[in-house]
Amino acid sequence: MEIEIISFGKIAEFVSNQKIDIAETTDTDNLKIHLETLFPELKAIKYKFALNNQLVQANSAIEQNDILAIMPPFSGG
């Protein structure tokens, strides 16, 4: 299964926007483990996922061609 990854802020320095194959990863909890294996720098920072423009609050299913954003902490104002 292929998904598109979009990264922001400091995360974009080591995770470039790209399409990746996540063959046996079907949810965001497992994707987090997979991405931290591919990009070990993620383990050292806090970040959130947005899946198809929706902030992920709990484990969510991932479908073929979904778009996942990886975002550093942010604040409103």
C-alpha atoms as a PDB file:
ATOM      1  CA  MET A   1       0.000   0.000   0.000  1.00  0.00           C
ATOM      2  CA  GLU A   2       1.301   3.460  -0.862  1.00  0.00           C
ATOM      3  CA  ILE A   3       0.626   6.712   1.009  1.00  0.00           C
ATOM      4  CA  GLU A   4       1.847  10.264   0.600  1.00  0.00           C
ATOM      5  CA  ILE A   5       3.887  11.825   3.407  1.00  0.00           C
ATOM      6  CA  ILE A   6       3.970  15.594   3.908  1.00  0.00           C
ATOM      7  CA  SER A   7       6.215  17.034   6.616  1.00  0.00           C
ATOM      8  CA  PHE A   8       6.428  20.449   8.220  1.00  0.00           C
ATOM      9  CA  GLY A   9       8.855  22.505  10.287  1.00  0.00           C
ATOM     10  CA  LYS A  10      11.991  20.861  11.620  1.00  0.00           C
ATOM     11  CA  ILE A  11      10.646  17.445  10.594  1.00  0.00           C
ATOM     12  CA  ALA A  12      10.929  18.459   6.925  1.00  0.00           C
ATOM     13  CA  GLU A  13      14.710  18.604   7.380  1.00  0.00           C
ATOM     14  CA  PHE A  14      14.940  14.802   7.578  1.00  0.00           C
ATOM     15  CA  VAL A  15      11.570  13.549   6.272  1.00  0.00           C
ATOM     16  CA  SER A  16      11.062  14.865   2.773  1.00  0.00           C
ATOM     17  CA  ASN A  17       7.651  14.961   1.139  1.00  0.00           C
ATOM     18  CA  GLN A  18       7.319  11.650  -0.662  1.00  0.00           C
ATOM     19  CA  LYS A  19       5.215   8.611  -1.399  1.00  0.00           C
ATOM     20  CA  ILE A  20       6.184   5.560   0.619  1.00  0.00           C
ATOM     21  CA  ASP A  21       5.182   1.933   0.575  1.00  0.00           C
ATOM     22  CA  ILE A  22       3.788   0.776   3.906  1.00  0.00           C
ATOM     23  CA  ALA A  23       3.064  -2.800   2.871  1.00  0.00           C
ATOM     24  CA  GLU A  24       1.788  -4.260   6.132  1.00  0.00           C
ATOM     25  CA  THR A  25       0.963  -1.097   8.046  1.00  0.00           C
ATOM     26  CA  THR A  26      -2.774  -0.532   8.322  1.00  0.00           C
ATOM     27  CA  ASP A  27      -3.133   2.004  11.143  1.00  0.00           C
ATOM     28  CA  THR A  28      -1.450   5.100  12.553  1.00  0.00           C
ATOM     29  CA  ASP A  29      -0.018   3.364  15.637  1.00  0.00           C
ATOM     30  CA  ASN A  30       1.898   0.893  13.473  1.00  0.00           C
ATOM     31  CA  LEU A  31       2.815   3.635  11.018  1.00  0.00           C
ATOM     32  CA  LYS A  32       4.453   5.604  13.827  1.00  0.00           C
ATOM     33  CA  ILE A  33       6.663   2.594  14.614  1.00  0.00           C
ATOM     34  CA  HIS A  34       7.463   2.130  10.907  1.00  0.00           C
ATOM     35  CA  LEU A  35       8.355   5.805  10.380  1.00  0.00           C
ATOM     36  CA  GLU A  36      10.543   5.924  13.486  1.00  0.00           C
ATOM     37  CA  THR A  37      12.462   2.970  12.060  1.00  0.00           C
ATOM     38  CA  LEU A  38      12.903   4.713   8.689  1.00  0.00           C
ATOM     39  CA  PHE A  39      13.621   8.110  10.267  1.00  0.00           C
ATOM     40  CA  PRO A  40      15.189   7.576  13.739  1.00  0.00           C
ATOM     41  CA  GLU A  41      15.280  11.354  14.312  1.00  0.00           C
ATOM     42  CA  LEU A  42      11.508  11.239  14.881  1.00  0.00           C
ATOM     43  CA  LYS A  43      12.041   9.382  18.156  1.00  0.00           C
ATOM     44  CA  ALA A  44      13.704  12.448  19.680  1.00  0.00           C
ATOM     45  CA  ILE A  45      10.904  14.955  19.014  1.00  0.00           C
ATOM     46  CA  LYS A  46       7.206  15.343  19.667  1.00  0.00           C
ATOM     47  CA  TYR A  47       4.957  15.345  16.632  1.00  0.00           C
ATOM     48  CA  LYS A  48       1.372  14.787  15.532  1.00  0.00           C
ATOM     49  CA  PHE A  49      -0.207  13.181  12.495  1.00  0.00           C
ATOM     50  CA  ALA A  50      -2.963  14.534  10.305  1.00  0.00           C
ATOM     51  CA  LEU A  51      -4.575  11.951   8.064  1.00  0.00           C
ATOM     52  CA  ASN A  52      -6.385  13.344   5.020  1.00  0.00           C
ATOM     53  CA  ASN A  53      -6.535  16.814   6.624  1.00  0.00           C
ATOM     54  CA  GLN A  54      -7.900  15.537   9.968  1.00  0.00           C
ATOM     55  CA  LEU A  55      -5.758  15.697  13.113  1.00  0.00           C
ATOM     56  CA  VAL A  56      -5.275  12.157  14.443  1.00  0.00           C
ATOM     57  CA  GLN A  57      -6.407  11.928  18.075  1.00  0.00           C
ATOM     58  CA  ALA A  58      -6.540   8.114  18.366  1.00  0.00           C
ATOM     59  CA  ASN A  59      -5.337   5.154  16.349  1.00  0.00           C
ATOM     60  CA  SER A  60      -6.851   5.423  12.848  1.00  0.00           C
ATOM     61  CA  ALA A  61      -7.044   3.095   9.862  1.00  0.00           C
ATOM     62  CA  ILE A  62      -4.905   3.936   6.842  1.00  0.00           C
ATOM     63  CA  GLU A  63      -6.121   3.312   3.295  1.00  0.00           C
ATOM     64  CA  GLN A  64      -4.332   3.169  -0.064  1.00  0.00           C
ATOM     65  CA  ASN A  65      -3.420   6.676  -1.349  1.00  0.00           C
ATOM     66  CA  ASP A  66      -4.120   8.427   1.969  1.00  0.00           C
ATOM     67  CA  ILE A  67      -2.177  11.608   2.687  1.00  0.00           C
ATOM     68  CA  LEU A  68      -0.395  11.779   6.040  1.00  0.00           C
ATOM     69  CA  ALA A  69       1.068  14.994   7.411  1.00  0.00           C
ATOM     70  CA  ILE A  70       3.718  14.863  10.126  1.00  0.00           C
ATOM     71  CA  MET A  71       3.682  18.064  12.146  1.00  0.00           C
ATOM     72  CA  PRO A  72       5.846  19.379  14.986  1.00  0.00           C
ATOM     73  CA  PRO A  73       4.173  20.962  18.025  1.00  0.00           C
ATOM     74  CA  PHE A  74       2.410  24.216  17.249  1.00  0.00           C
ATOM     75  CA  SER A  75       0.348  26.786  19.103  1.00  0.00           C
ATOM     76  CA  GLY A  76      -2.441  29.081  18.041  1.00  0.00           C
ATOM     77  CA  GLY A  77      -2.840  32.681  18.794  1.00  0.00           C
END
